[in-house]
Amino acid sequence: MPVELHIFDQVQERLHYKAGDVILSQGQESDKMYAVIVGEVDVIVDGKYLHTVSAGGAVGEMALIDEGRTSAEVRAKTDCELVPVDKERFNFLVQQTPYFALQMMKILVDRLREATQLGVKYL
């Protein structure tokens, strides 16, 4: 479920990555999530491909929300542009933009559903 990208139109800070660049390493401390504006990124856990996140998606949200370490590596699949979202901006967006909050909940539900399916597969 894509995040409304227009809410990031006024954000000046844009990060550009080339295909193959590591954006987040699994287990690193991180105080930001990243909205994918252009391109695609792969999510990799313990060296295994999990899924691809396209423009309108987000990565790093779990570590931002629970203030833990990143649960996956995120690597640019294509050249891409991302907007970093720190805790302060995230909290503002959740409080002031109900649709953003709903989209984030849907992203988290998708992640939980995917983890549940993988867990059942190995029971």
PDB file of N, CA and C in Angstrom:
ATOM      1  N   MET A   1       0.859  -1.174   0.000  1.00  0.00           N
ATOM      2  CA  MET A   1       0.000   0.000   0.000  1.00  0.00           C
ATOM      3  C   MET A   1       0.904   1.235   0.000  1.00  0.00           C
ATOM      4  N   PRO A   2       0.819   2.054  -1.026  1.00  0.00           N
ATOM      5  CA  PRO A   2       1.724   3.185  -1.132  1.00  0.00           C
ATOM      6  C   PRO A   2       1.377   4.335  -0.198  1.00  0.00           C
ATOM      7  N   VAL A   3       2.414   5.026   0.224  1.00  0.00           N
ATOM      8  CA  VAL A   3       2.275   6.236   1.026  1.00  0.00           C
ATOM      9  C   VAL A   3       2.003   7.380   0.052  1.00  0.00           C
ATOM     10  N   GLU A   4       1.222   8.349   0.468  1.00  0.00           N
ATOM     11  CA  GLU A   4       0.962   9.519  -0.376  1.00  0.00           C
ATOM     12  C   GLU A   4       2.262  10.290  -0.553  1.00  0.00           C
ATOM     13  N   LEU A   5       2.840  10.213  -1.729  1.00  0.00           N
ATOM     14  CA  LEU A   5       4.147  10.820  -1.962  1.00  0.00           C
ATOM     15  C   LEU A   5       4.109  12.341  -1.936  1.00  0.00           C
ATOM     16  N   HIS A   6       2.979  12.941  -2.254  1.00  0.00           N
ATOM     17  CA  HIS A   6       2.919  14.407  -2.293  1.00  0.00           C
ATOM     18  C   HIS A   6       3.208  15.035  -0.930  1.00  0.00           C
ATOM     19  N   ILE A   7       3.038  14.299   0.155  1.00  0.00           N
ATOM     20  CA  ILE A   7       3.337  14.883   1.472  1.00  0.00           C
ATOM     21  C   ILE A   7       4.830  15.130   1.640  1.00  0.00           C
ATOM     22  N   PHE A   8       5.650  14.572   0.754  1.00  0.00           N
ATOM     23  CA  PHE A   8       7.096  14.783   0.819  1.00  0.00           C
ATOM     24  C   PHE A   8       7.585  15.796  -0.214  1.00  0.00           C
ATOM     25  N   ASP A   9       6.668  16.434  -0.948  1.00  0.00           N
ATOM     26  CA  ASP A   9       7.057  17.371  -2.003  1.00  0.00           C
ATOM     27  C   ASP A   9       7.925  18.516  -1.487  1.00  0.00           C
ATOM     28  N   GLN A  10       7.647  19.005  -0.297  1.00  0.00           N
ATOM     29  CA  GLN A  10       8.378  20.155   0.231  1.00  0.00           C
ATOM     30  C   GLN A  10       9.650  19.768   0.986  1.00  0.00           C
ATOM     31  N   VAL A  11       9.888  18.480   1.135  1.00  0.00           N
ATOM     32  CA  VAL A  11      11.078  18.031   1.861  1.00  0.00           C
ATOM     33  C   VAL A  11      12.298  18.233   0.972  1.00  0.00           C
ATOM     34  N   GLN A  12      13.265  18.985   1.480  1.00  0.00           N
ATOM     35  CA  GLN A  12      14.461  19.294   0.704  1.00  0.00           C
ATOM     36  C   GLN A  12      15.458  18.136   0.670  1.00  0.00           C
ATOM     37  N   GLU A  13      15.547  17.403   1.773  1.00  0.00           N
ATOM     38  CA  GLU A  13      16.556  16.346   1.857  1.00  0.00           C
ATOM     39  C   GLU A  13      16.108  15.120   1.067  1.00  0.00           C
ATOM     40  N   ARG A  14      16.849  14.817   0.024  1.00  0.00           N
ATOM     41  CA  ARG A  14      16.611  13.637  -0.813  1.00  0.00           C
ATOM     42  C   ARG A  14      17.913  12.853  -0.858  1.00  0.00           C
ATOM     43  N   LEU A  15      17.814  11.569  -0.697  1.00  0.00           N
ATOM     44  CA  LEU A  15      18.992  10.712  -0.758  1.00  0.00           C
ATOM     45  C   LEU A  15      18.933   9.912  -2.049  1.00  0.00           C
ATOM     46  N   HIS A  16      20.044   9.862  -2.749  1.00  0.00           N
ATOM     47  CA  HIS A  16      20.114   9.157  -4.028  1.00  0.00           C
ATOM     48  C   HIS A  16      21.057   7.969  -3.889  1.00  0.00           C
ATOM     49  N   TYR A  17      20.604   6.825  -4.357  1.00  0.00           N
ATOM     50  CA  TYR A  17      21.395   5.599  -4.302  1.00  0.00           C
ATOM     51  C   TYR A  17      21.442   4.973  -5.686  1.00  0.00           C
ATOM     52  N   LYS A  18      22.560   4.342  -5.968  1.00  0.00           N
ATOM     53  CA  LYS A  18      22.727   3.586  -7.215  1.00  0.00           C
ATOM     54  C   LYS A  18      22.318   2.144  -6.963  1.00  0.00           C
ATOM     55  N   ALA A  19      21.902   1.454  -8.017  1.00  0.00           N
ATOM     56  CA  ALA A  19      21.547   0.036  -7.900  1.00  0.00           C
ATOM     57  C   ALA A  19      22.694  -0.714  -7.230  1.00  0.00           C
ATOM     58  N   GLY A  20      22.355  -1.510  -6.221  1.00  0.00           N
ATOM     59  CA  GLY A  20      23.347  -2.290  -5.486  1.00  0.00           C
ATOM     60  C   GLY A  20      23.834  -1.647  -4.204  1.00  0.00           C
ATOM     61  N   ASP A  21      23.605  -0.344  -4.025  1.00  0.00           N
ATOM     62  CA  ASP A  21      24.025   0.334  -2.792  1.00  0.00           C
ATOM     63  C   ASP A  21      23.226  -0.181  -1.598  1.00  0.00           C
ATOM     64  N   VAL A  22      23.905  -0.358  -0.469  1.00  0.00           N
ATOM     65  CA  VAL A  22      23.231  -0.735   0.774  1.00  0.00           C
ATOM     66  C   VAL A  22      22.737   0.540   1.453  1.00  0.00           C
ATOM     67  N   ILE A  23      21.453   0.586   1.725  1.00  0.00           N
ATOM     68  CA  ILE A  23      20.827   1.746   2.358  1.00  0.00           C
ATOM     69  C   ILE A  23      20.784   1.557   3.868  1.00  0.00           C
ATOM     70  N   LEU A  24      20.380   0.380   4.309  1.00  0.00           N
ATOM     71  CA  LEU A  24      20.374   0.008   5.726  1.00  0.00           C
ATOM     72  C   LEU A  24      21.000  -1.372   5.853  1.00  0.00           C
ATOM     73  N   SER A  25      21.798  -1.548   6.893  1.00  0.00           N
ATOM     74  CA  SER A  25      22.360  -2.865   7.182  1.00  0.00           C
ATOM     75  C   SER A  25      21.529  -3.522   8.272  1.00  0.00           C
ATOM     76  N   GLN A  26      21.343  -4.814   8.166  1.00  0.00           N
ATOM     77  CA  GLN A  26      20.579  -5.539   9.178  1.00  0.00           C
ATOM     78  C   GLN A  26      21.272  -5.395  10.529  1.00  0.00           C
ATOM     79  N   GLY A  27      20.502  -5.045  11.550  1.00  0.00           N
ATOM     80  CA  GLY A  27      21.020  -4.928  12.906  1.00  0.00           C
ATOM     81  C   GLY A  27      21.603  -3.577  13.265  1.00  0.00           C
ATOM     82  N   GLN A  28      21.607  -2.634  12.342  1.00  0.00           N
ATOM     83  CA  GLN A  28      22.170  -1.324  12.671  1.00  0.00           C
ATOM     84  C   GLN A  28      21.168  -0.493  13.457  1.00  0.00           C
ATOM     85  N   GLU A  29      21.685   0.443  14.240  1.00  0.00           N
ATOM     86  CA  GLU A  29      20.819   1.403  14.913  1.00  0.00           C
ATOM     87  C   GLU A  29      20.347   2.405  13.867  1.00  0.00           C
ATOM     88  N   SER A  30      19.084   2.758  13.936  1.00  0.00           N
ATOM     89  CA  SER A  30      18.551   3.719  12.979  1.00  0.00           C
ATOM     90  C   SER A  30      17.435   4.517  13.633  1.00  0.00           C
ATOM     91  N   ASP A  31      17.463   5.814  13.414  1.00  0.00           N
ATOM     92  CA  ASP A  31      16.417   6.675  13.961  1.00  0.00           C
ATOM     93  C   ASP A  31      15.586   7.307  12.843  1.00  0.00           C
ATOM     94  N   LYS A  32      15.595   6.642  11.680  1.00  0.00           N
ATOM     95  CA  LYS A  32      14.836   7.149  10.543  1.00  0.00           C
ATOM     96  C   LYS A  32      14.171   6.006   9.793  1.00  0.00           C
ATOM     97  N   MET A  33      13.078   6.327   9.144  1.00  0.00           N
ATOM     98  CA  MET A  33      12.532   5.451   8.116  1.00  0.00           C
ATOM     99  C   MET A  33      12.747   6.182   6.799  1.00  0.00           C
ATOM    100  N   TYR A  34      12.542   5.485   5.716  1.00  0.00           N
ATOM    101  CA  TYR A  34      12.792   6.075   4.408  1.00  0.00           C
ATOM    102  C   TYR A  34      11.594   5.840   3.502  1.00  0.00           C
ATOM    103  N   ALA A  35      11.082   6.914   2.937  1.00  0.00           N
ATOM    104  CA  ALA A  35      10.019   6.814   1.941  1.00  0.00           C
ATOM    105  C   ALA A  35      10.690   6.676   0.582  1.00  0.00           C
ATOM    106  N   VAL A  36      10.290   5.662  -0.164  1.00  0.00           N
ATOM    107  CA  VAL A  36      10.845   5.449  -1.502  1.00  0.00           C
ATOM    108  C   VAL A  36      10.069   6.350  -2.464  1.00  0.00           C
ATOM    109  N   ILE A  37      10.767   7.303  -3.051  1.00  0.00           N
ATOM    110  CA  ILE A  37      10.140   8.274  -3.948  1.00  0.00           C
ATOM    111  C   ILE A  37      10.253   7.815  -5.401  1.00  0.00           C
ATOM    112  N   VAL A  38      11.423   7.334  -5.766  1.00  0.00           N
ATOM    113  CA  VAL A  38      11.692   6.860  -7.127  1.00  0.00           C
ATOM    114  C   VAL A  38      12.483   5.569  -7.026  1.00  0.00           C
ATOM    115  N   GLY A  39      12.147   4.583  -7.844  1.00  0.00           N
ATOM    116  CA  GLY A  39      12.921   3.351  -7.909  1.00  0.00           C
ATOM    117  C   GLY A  39      12.384   2.255  -7.014  1.00  0.00           C
ATOM    118  N   GLU A  40      13.251   1.248  -6.808  1.00  0.00           N
ATOM    119  CA  GLU A  40      12.883   0.088  -6.000  1.00  0.00           C
ATOM    120  C   GLU A  40      14.051  -0.313  -5.111  1.00  0.00           C
ATOM    121  N   VAL A  41      13.707  -0.852  -3.935  1.00  0.00           N
ATOM    122  CA  VAL A  41      14.717  -1.377  -3.013  1.00  0.00           C
ATOM    123  C   VAL A  41      14.334  -2.797  -2.623  1.00  0.00           C
ATOM    124  N   ASP A  42      15.340  -3.624  -2.408  1.00  0.00           N
ATOM    125  CA  ASP A  42      15.115  -4.994  -1.954  1.00  0.00           C
ATOM    126  C   ASP A  42      15.320  -5.078  -0.453  1.00  0.00           C
ATOM    127  N   VAL A  43      14.496  -5.880   0.196  1.00  0.00           N
ATOM    128  CA  VAL A  43      14.607  -6.146   1.628  1.00  0.00           C
ATOM    129  C   VAL A  43      15.169  -7.556   1.769  1.00  0.00           C
ATOM    130  N   ILE A  44      16.260  -7.673   2.537  1.00  0.00           N
ATOM    131  CA  ILE A  44      16.997  -8.926   2.655  1.00  0.00           C
ATOM    132  C   ILE A  44      17.196  -9.233   4.135  1.00  0.00           C
ATOM    133  N   VAL A  45      16.847 -10.450   4.544  1.00  0.00           N
ATOM    134  CA  VAL A  45      17.011 -10.871   5.937  1.00  0.00           C
ATOM    135  C   VAL A  45      17.933 -12.083   5.968  1.00  0.00           C
ATOM    136  N   ASP A  46      18.985 -11.970   6.763  1.00  0.00           N
ATOM    137  CA  ASP A  46      19.965 -13.058   6.879  1.00  0.00           C
ATOM    138  C   ASP A  46      20.448 -13.536   5.518  1.00  0.00           C
ATOM    139  N   GLY A  47      20.667 -12.584   4.615  1.00  0.00           N
ATOM    140  CA  GLY A  47      21.185 -12.905   3.292  1.00  0.00           C
ATOM    141  C   GLY A  47      20.164 -13.432   2.303  1.00  0.00           C
ATOM    142  N   LYS A  48      18.900 -13.528   2.720  1.00  0.00           N
ATOM    143  CA  LYS A  48      17.848 -14.060   1.845  1.00  0.00           C
ATOM    144  C   LYS A  48      16.892 -12.944   1.431  1.00  0.00           C
ATOM    145  N   TYR A  49      16.620 -12.903   0.131  1.00  0.00           N
ATOM    146  CA  TYR A  49      15.687 -11.919  -0.409  1.00  0.00           C
ATOM    147  C   TYR A  49      14.302 -12.139   0.196  1.00  0.00           C
ATOM    148  N   LEU A  50      13.679 -11.063   0.678  1.00  0.00           N
ATOM    149  CA  LEU A  50      12.344 -11.151   1.256  1.00  0.00           C
ATOM    150  C   LEU A  50      11.294 -10.550   0.317  1.00  0.00           C
ATOM    151  N   HIS A  51      11.489  -9.293  -0.067  1.00  0.00           N
ATOM    152  CA  HIS A  51      10.563  -8.650  -0.994  1.00  0.00           C
ATOM    153  C   HIS A  51      11.160  -7.349  -1.526  1.00  0.00           C
ATOM    154  N   THR A  52      10.473  -6.777  -2.496  1.00  0.00           N
ATOM    155  CA  THR A  52      10.879  -5.505  -3.098  1.00  0.00           C
ATOM    156  C   THR A  52       9.874  -4.429  -2.704  1.00  0.00           C
ATOM    157  N   VAL A  53      10.392  -3.254  -2.360  1.00  0.00           N
ATOM    158  CA  VAL A  53       9.552  -2.100  -2.042  1.00  0.00           C
ATOM    159  C   VAL A  53       9.735  -1.082  -3.169  1.00  0.00           C
ATOM    160  N   SER A  54       8.625  -0.650  -3.739  1.00  0.00           N
ATOM    161  CA  SER A  54       8.638   0.287  -4.867  1.00  0.00           C
ATOM    162  C   SER A  54       8.297   1.696  -4.405  1.00  0.00           C
ATOM    163  N   ALA A  55       8.345   2.634  -5.351  1.00  0.00           N
ATOM    164  CA  ALA A  55       7.980   4.021  -5.062  1.00  0.00           C
ATOM    165  C   ALA A  55       6.613   4.062  -4.386  1.00  0.00           C
ATOM    166  N   GLY A  56       6.531   4.840  -3.324  1.00  0.00           N
ATOM    167  CA  GLY A  56       5.311   4.908  -2.528  1.00  0.00           C
ATOM    168  C   GLY A  56       5.383   4.032  -1.298  1.00  0.00           C
ATOM    169  N   GLY A  57       6.394   3.172  -1.232  1.00  0.00           N
ATOM    170  CA  GLY A  57       6.578   2.309  -0.072  1.00  0.00           C
ATOM    171  C   GLY A  57       7.524   2.940   0.938  1.00  0.00           C
ATOM    172  N   ALA A  58       7.716   2.241   2.027  1.00  0.00           N
ATOM    173  CA  ALA A  58       8.592   2.733   3.085  1.00  0.00           C
ATOM    174  C   ALA A  58       9.406   1.577   3.643  1.00  0.00           C
ATOM    175  N   VAL A  59      10.601   1.899   4.118  1.00  0.00           N
ATOM    176  CA  VAL A  59      11.466   0.919   4.775  1.00  0.00           C
ATOM    177  C   VAL A  59      12.047   1.549   6.036  1.00  0.00           C
ATOM    178  N   GLY A  60      12.386   0.701   6.995  1.00  0.00           N
ATOM    179  CA  GLY A  60      12.992   1.190   8.228  1.00  0.00           C
ATOM    180  C   GLY A  60      12.000   1.663   9.266  1.00  0.00           C
ATOM    181  N   GLU A  61      10.711   1.478   8.993  1.00  0.00           N
ATOM    182  CA  GLU A  61       9.682   2.010   9.898  1.00  0.00           C
ATOM    183  C   GLU A  61       9.644   1.274  11.228  1.00  0.00           C
ATOM    184  N   MET A  62       9.958  -0.009  11.243  1.00  0.00           N
ATOM    185  CA  MET A  62       9.871  -0.762  12.504  1.00  0.00           C
ATOM    186  C   MET A  62      10.913  -0.266  13.503  1.00  0.00           C
ATOM    187  N   ALA A  63      12.150  -0.062  13.047  1.00  0.00           N
ATOM    188  CA  ALA A  63      13.198   0.426  13.946  1.00  0.00           C
ATOM    189  C   ALA A  63      12.886   1.841  14.431  1.00  0.00           C
ATOM    190  N   LEU A  64      12.262   2.639  13.583  1.00  0.00           N
ATOM    191  CA  LEU A  64      11.886   3.995  13.985  1.00  0.00           C
ATOM    192  C   LEU A  64      10.813   3.953  15.067  1.00  0.00           C
ATOM    193  N   ILE A  65       9.821   3.106  14.883  1.00  0.00           N
ATOM    194  CA  ILE A  65       8.696   3.054  15.817  1.00  0.00           C
ATOM    195  C   ILE A  65       9.099   2.464  17.158  1.00  0.00           C
ATOM    196  N   ASP A  66       9.831   1.338  17.138  1.00  0.00           N
ATOM    197  CA  ASP A  66      10.157   0.699  18.422  1.00  0.00           C
ATOM    198  C   ASP A  66      11.541   1.065  18.949  1.00  0.00           C
ATOM    199  N   GLU A  67      12.231   1.966  18.231  1.00  0.00           N
ATOM    200  CA  GLU A  67      13.553   2.441  18.631  1.00  0.00           C
ATOM    201  C   GLU A  67      14.539   1.294  18.797  1.00  0.00           C
ATOM    202  N   GLY A  68      14.335   0.247  18.009  1.00  0.00           N
ATOM    203  CA  GLY A  68      15.242  -0.894  18.025  1.00  0.00           C
ATOM    204  C   GLY A  68      16.203  -0.830  16.855  1.00  0.00           C
ATOM    205  N   ARG A  69      16.814  -1.950  16.588  1.00  0.00           N
ATOM    206  CA  ARG A  69      17.736  -2.053  15.457  1.00  0.00           C
ATOM    207  C   ARG A  69      16.968  -2.504  14.216  1.00  0.00           C
ATOM    208  N   THR A  70      17.542  -2.267  13.071  1.00  0.00           N
ATOM    209  CA  THR A  70      16.882  -2.662  11.831  1.00  0.00           C
ATOM    210  C   THR A  70      16.810  -4.179  11.742  1.00  0.00           C
ATOM    211  N   SER A  71      15.699  -4.674  11.259  1.00  0.00           N
ATOM    212  CA  SER A  71      15.482  -6.123  11.187  1.00  0.00           C
ATOM    213  C   SER A  71      15.912  -6.703   9.850  1.00  0.00           C
ATOM    214  N   ALA A  72      16.290  -5.842   8.914  1.00  0.00           N
ATOM    215  CA  ALA A  72      16.650  -6.322   7.580  1.00  0.00           C
ATOM    216  C   ALA A  72      17.673  -5.393   6.945  1.00  0.00           C
ATOM    217  N   GLU A  73      18.337  -5.923   5.938  1.00  0.00           N
ATOM    218  CA  GLU A  73      19.171  -5.088   5.069  1.00  0.00           C
ATOM    219  C   GLU A  73      18.263  -4.539   3.984  1.00  0.00           C
ATOM    220  N   VAL A  74      18.498  -3.307   3.599  1.00  0.00           N
ATOM    221  CA  VAL A  74      17.767  -2.703   2.489  1.00  0.00           C
ATOM    222  C   VAL A  74      18.805  -2.279   1.456  1.00  0.00           C
ATOM    223  N   ARG A  75      18.624  -2.774   0.244  1.00  0.00           N
ATOM    224  CA  ARG A  75      19.587  -2.521  -0.836  1.00  0.00           C
ATOM    225  C   ARG A  75      18.847  -1.979  -2.056  1.00  0.00           C
ATOM    226  N   ALA A  76      19.431  -0.970  -2.696  1.00  0.00           N
ATOM    227  CA  ALA A  76      18.823  -0.402  -3.901  1.00  0.00           C
ATOM    228  C   ALA A  76      18.801  -1.449  -5.009  1.00  0.00           C
ATOM    229  N   LYS A  77      17.612  -1.743  -5.510  1.00  0.00           N
ATOM    230  CA  LYS A  77      17.463  -2.666  -6.641  1.00  0.00           C
ATOM    231  C   LYS A  77      17.709  -1.916  -7.948  1.00  0.00           C
ATOM    232  N   THR A  78      17.257  -0.668  -7.975  1.00  0.00           N
ATOM    233  CA  THR A  78      17.468   0.228  -9.114  1.00  0.00           C
ATOM    234  C   THR A  78      18.044   1.522  -8.558  1.00  0.00           C
ATOM    235  N   ASP A  79      18.471   2.414  -9.420  1.00  0.00           N
ATOM    236  CA  ASP A  79      18.802   3.750  -8.943  1.00  0.00           C
ATOM    237  C   ASP A  79      17.535   4.282  -8.280  1.00  0.00           C
ATOM    238  N   CYS A  80      17.686   4.905  -7.130  1.00  0.00           N
ATOM    239  CA  CYS A  80      16.484   5.329  -6.415  1.00  0.00           C
ATOM    240  C   CYS A  80      16.708   6.621  -5.640  1.00  0.00           C
ATOM    241  N   GLU A  81      15.596   7.204  -5.261  1.00  0.00           N
ATOM    242  CA  GLU A  81      15.572   8.426  -4.468  1.00  0.00           C
ATOM    243  C   GLU A  81      14.686   8.166  -3.260  1.00  0.00           C
ATOM    244  N   LEU A  82      15.223   8.485  -2.080  1.00  0.00           N
ATOM    245  CA  LEU A  82      14.487   8.263  -0.841  1.00  0.00           C
ATOM    246  C   LEU A  82      14.449   9.546  -0.023  1.00  0.00           C
ATOM    247  N   VAL A  83      13.408   9.687   0.765  1.00  0.00           N
ATOM    248  CA  VAL A  83      13.304  10.800   1.713  1.00  0.00           C
ATOM    249  C   VAL A  83      13.408  10.213   3.115  1.00  0.00           C
ATOM    250  N   PRO A  84      14.416  10.664   3.900  1.00  0.00           N
ATOM    251  CA  PRO A  84      14.503  10.195   5.277  1.00  0.00           C
ATOM    252  C   PRO A  84      13.432  10.870   6.132  1.00  0.00           C
ATOM    253  N   VAL A  85      12.841  10.097   7.026  1.00  0.00           N
ATOM    254  CA  VAL A  85      11.799  10.613   7.914  1.00  0.00           C
ATOM    255  C   VAL A  85      12.224  10.296   9.341  1.00  0.00           C
ATOM    256  N   ASP A  86      12.580  11.345  10.101  1.00  0.00           N
ATOM    257  CA  ASP A  86      12.994  11.116  11.486  1.00  0.00           C
ATOM    258  C   ASP A  86      11.766  11.000  12.392  1.00  0.00           C
ATOM    259  N   LYS A  87      12.017  10.699  13.652  1.00  0.00           N
ATOM    260  CA  LYS A  87      10.932  10.460  14.614  1.00  0.00           C
ATOM    261  C   LYS A  87      10.001  11.674  14.728  1.00  0.00           C
ATOM    262  N   GLU A  88      10.575  12.865  14.771  1.00  0.00           N
ATOM    263  CA  GLU A  88       9.765  14.079  14.914  1.00  0.00           C
ATOM    264  C   GLU A  88       8.830  14.259  13.712  1.00  0.00           C
ATOM    265  N   ARG A  89       9.368  14.114  12.509  1.00  0.00           N
ATOM    266  CA  ARG A  89       8.533  14.258  11.304  1.00  0.00           C
ATOM    267  C   ARG A  89       7.499  13.136  11.233  1.00  0.00           C
ATOM    268  N   PHE A  90       7.909  11.911  11.585  1.00  0.00           N
ATOM    269  CA  PHE A  90       6.994  10.772  11.567  1.00  0.00           C
ATOM    270  C   PHE A  90       5.815  11.031  12.508  1.00  0.00           C
ATOM    271  N   ASN A  91       6.107  11.452  13.742  1.00  0.00           N
ATOM    272  CA  ASN A  91       5.042  11.727  14.713  1.00  0.00           C
ATOM    273  C   ASN A  91       4.116  12.838  14.220  1.00  0.00           C
ATOM    274  N   PHE A  92       4.696  13.869  13.617  1.00  0.00           N
ATOM    275  CA  PHE A  92       3.887  14.956  13.069  1.00  0.00           C
ATOM    276  C   PHE A  92       2.959  14.427  11.976  1.00  0.00           C
ATOM    277  N   LEU A  93       3.511  13.626  11.050  1.00  0.00           N
ATOM    278  CA  LEU A  93       2.702  13.094   9.952  1.00  0.00           C
ATOM    279  C   LEU A  93       1.583  12.190  10.460  1.00  0.00           C
ATOM    280  N   VAL A  94       1.884  11.373  11.456  1.00  0.00           N
ATOM    281  CA  VAL A  94       0.862  10.481  12.019  1.00  0.00           C
ATOM    282  C   VAL A  94      -0.258  11.296  12.666  1.00  0.00           C
ATOM    283  N   GLN A  95       0.118  12.362  13.389  1.00  0.00           N
ATOM    284  CA  GLN A  95      -0.878  13.167  14.094  1.00  0.00           C
ATOM    285  C   GLN A  95      -1.675  14.081  13.160  1.00  0.00           C
ATOM    286  N   GLN A  96      -1.024  14.633  12.153  1.00  0.00           N
ATOM    287  CA  GLN A  96      -1.658  15.638  11.307  1.00  0.00           C
ATOM    288  C   GLN A  96      -2.237  15.098  10.000  1.00  0.00           C
ATOM    289  N   THR A  97      -1.853  13.878   9.645  1.00  0.00           N
ATOM    290  CA  THR A  97      -2.290  13.314   8.367  1.00  0.00           C
ATOM    291  C   THR A  97      -2.839  11.915   8.609  1.00  0.00           C
ATOM    292  N   PRO A  98      -4.113  11.804   8.930  1.00  0.00           N
ATOM    293  CA  PRO A  98      -4.690  10.490   9.229  1.00  0.00           C
ATOM    294  C   PRO A  98      -4.468   9.462   8.121  1.00  0.00           C
ATOM    295  N   TYR A  99      -4.486   9.896   6.866  1.00  0.00           N
ATOM    296  CA  TYR A  99      -4.275   8.943   5.772  1.00  0.00           C
ATOM    297  C   TYR A  99      -2.862   8.358   5.831  1.00  0.00           C
ATOM    298  N   PHE A 100      -1.880   9.182   6.190  1.00  0.00           N
ATOM    299  CA  PHE A 100      -0.506   8.683   6.352  1.00  0.00           C
ATOM    300  C   PHE A 100      -0.471   7.632   7.456  1.00  0.00           C
ATOM    301  N   ALA A 101      -1.120   7.914   8.578  1.00  0.00           N
ATOM    302  CA  ALA A 101      -1.154   6.950   9.691  1.00  0.00           C
ATOM    303  C   ALA A 101      -1.790   5.639   9.241  1.00  0.00           C
ATOM    304  N   LEU A 102      -2.873   5.720   8.497  1.00  0.00           N
ATOM    305  CA  LEU A 102      -3.541   4.520   7.995  1.00  0.00           C
ATOM    306  C   LEU A 102      -2.625   3.747   7.046  1.00  0.00           C
ATOM    307  N   GLN A 103      -1.939   4.446   6.169  1.00  0.00           N
ATOM    308  CA  GLN A 103      -1.024   3.785   5.238  1.00  0.00           C
ATOM    309  C   GLN A 103       0.111   3.089   5.988  1.00  0.00           C
ATOM    310  N   MET A 104       0.621   3.721   7.030  1.00  0.00           N
ATOM    311  CA  MET A 104       1.685   3.090   7.820  1.00  0.00           C
ATOM    312  C   MET A 104       1.162   1.836   8.516  1.00  0.00           C
ATOM    313  N   MET A 105      -0.060   1.892   9.024  1.00  0.00           N
ATOM    314  CA  MET A 105      -0.643   0.698   9.648  1.00  0.00           C
ATOM    315  C   MET A 105      -0.787  -0.423   8.625  1.00  0.00           C
ATOM    316  N   LYS A 106      -1.188  -0.088   7.418  1.00  0.00           N
ATOM    317  CA  LYS A 106      -1.327  -1.109   6.376  1.00  0.00           C
ATOM    318  C   LYS A 106       0.025  -1.712   6.011  1.00  0.00           C
ATOM    319  N   ILE A 107       1.059  -0.886   5.952  1.00  0.00           N
ATOM    320  CA  ILE A 107       2.406  -1.403   5.682  1.00  0.00           C
ATOM    321  C   ILE A 107       2.811  -2.380   6.779  1.00  0.00           C
ATOM    322  N   LEU A 108       2.571  -2.007   8.033  1.00  0.00           N
ATOM    323  CA  LEU A 108       2.940  -2.885   9.152  1.00  0.00           C
ATOM    324  C   LEU A 108       2.125  -4.175   9.146  1.00  0.00           C
ATOM    325  N   VAL A 109       0.847  -4.086   8.806  1.00  0.00           N
ATOM    326  CA  VAL A 109       0.015  -5.293   8.721  1.00  0.00           C
ATOM    327  C   VAL A 109       0.529  -6.208   7.614  1.00  0.00           C
ATOM    328  N   ASP A 110       0.901  -5.626   6.486  1.00  0.00           N
ATOM    329  CA  ASP A 110       1.467  -6.438   5.401  1.00  0.00           C
ATOM    330  C   ASP A 110       2.733  -7.150   5.860  1.00  0.00           C
ATOM    331  N   ARG A 111       3.584  -6.440   6.595  1.00  0.00           N
ATOM    332  CA  ARG A 111       4.832  -7.047   7.095  1.00  0.00           C
ATOM    333  C   ARG A 111       4.511  -8.183   8.079  1.00  0.00           C
ATOM    334  N   LEU A 112       3.542  -7.962   8.956  1.00  0.00           N
ATOM    335  CA  LEU A 112       3.150  -8.981   9.924  1.00  0.00           C
ATOM    336  C   LEU A 112       2.554 -10.193   9.222  1.00  0.00           C
ATOM    337  N   ARG A 113       1.709  -9.961   8.254  1.00  0.00           N
ATOM    338  CA  ARG A 113       1.102 -11.057   7.497  1.00  0.00           C
ATOM    339  C   ARG A 113       2.181 -11.872   6.775  1.00  0.00           C
ATOM    340  N   GLU A 114       3.128 -11.195   6.179  1.00  0.00           N
ATOM    341  CA  GLU A 114       4.222 -11.878   5.484  1.00  0.00           C
ATOM    342  C   GLU A 114       5.051 -12.710   6.465  1.00  0.00           C
ATOM    343  N   ALA A 115       5.346 -12.147   7.633  1.00  0.00           N
ATOM    344  CA  ALA A 115       6.112 -12.880   8.647  1.00  0.00           C
ATOM    345  C   ALA A 115       5.333 -14.092   9.152  1.00  0.00           C
ATOM    346  N   THR A 116       4.029 -13.941   9.324  1.00  0.00           N
ATOM    347  CA  THR A 116       3.192 -15.059   9.776  1.00  0.00           C
ATOM    348  C   THR A 116       3.202 -16.179   8.747  1.00  0.00           C
ATOM    349  N   GLN A 117       3.057 -15.834   7.488  1.00  0.00           N
ATOM    350  CA  GLN A 117       3.068 -16.851   6.434  1.00  0.00           C
ATOM    351  C   GLN A 117       4.405 -17.576   6.379  1.00  0.00           C
ATOM    352  N   LEU A 118       5.493 -16.844   6.538  1.00  0.00           N
ATOM    353  CA  LEU A 118       6.809 -17.484   6.549  1.00  0.00           C
ATOM    354  C   LEU A 118       6.962 -18.388   7.766  1.00  0.00           C
ATOM    355  N   GLY A 119       6.461 -17.931   8.917  1.00  0.00           N
ATOM    356  CA  GLY A 119       6.545 -18.738  10.136  1.00  0.00           C
ATOM    357  C   GLY A 119       5.763 -20.027  10.022  1.00  0.00           C
ATOM    358  N   VAL A 120       4.565 -19.967   9.483  1.00  0.00           N
ATOM    359  CA  VAL A 120       3.727 -21.157   9.314  1.00  0.00           C
ATOM    360  C   VAL A 120       4.396 -22.137   8.356  1.00  0.00           C
ATOM    361  N   LYS A 121       5.043 -21.612   7.362  1.00  0.00           N
ATOM    362  CA  LYS A 121       5.718 -22.443   6.367  1.00  0.00           C
ATOM    363  C   LYS A 121       6.782 -23.341   7.009  1.00  0.00           C
ATOM    364  N   TYR A 122       7.389 -22.876   8.097  1.00  0.00           N
ATOM    365  CA  TYR A 122       8.477 -23.620   8.724  1.00  0.00           C
ATOM    366  C   TYR A 122       8.068 -24.355   9.991  1.00  0.00           C
ATOM    367  N   LEU A 123       6.773 -24.443  10.286  1.00  0.00           N
ATOM    368  CA  LEU A 123       6.305 -25.188  11.467  1.00  0.00           C
ATOM    369  C   LEU A 123       6.378 -26.680  11.235  1.00  0.00           C
TER     370      LEU A 123
END
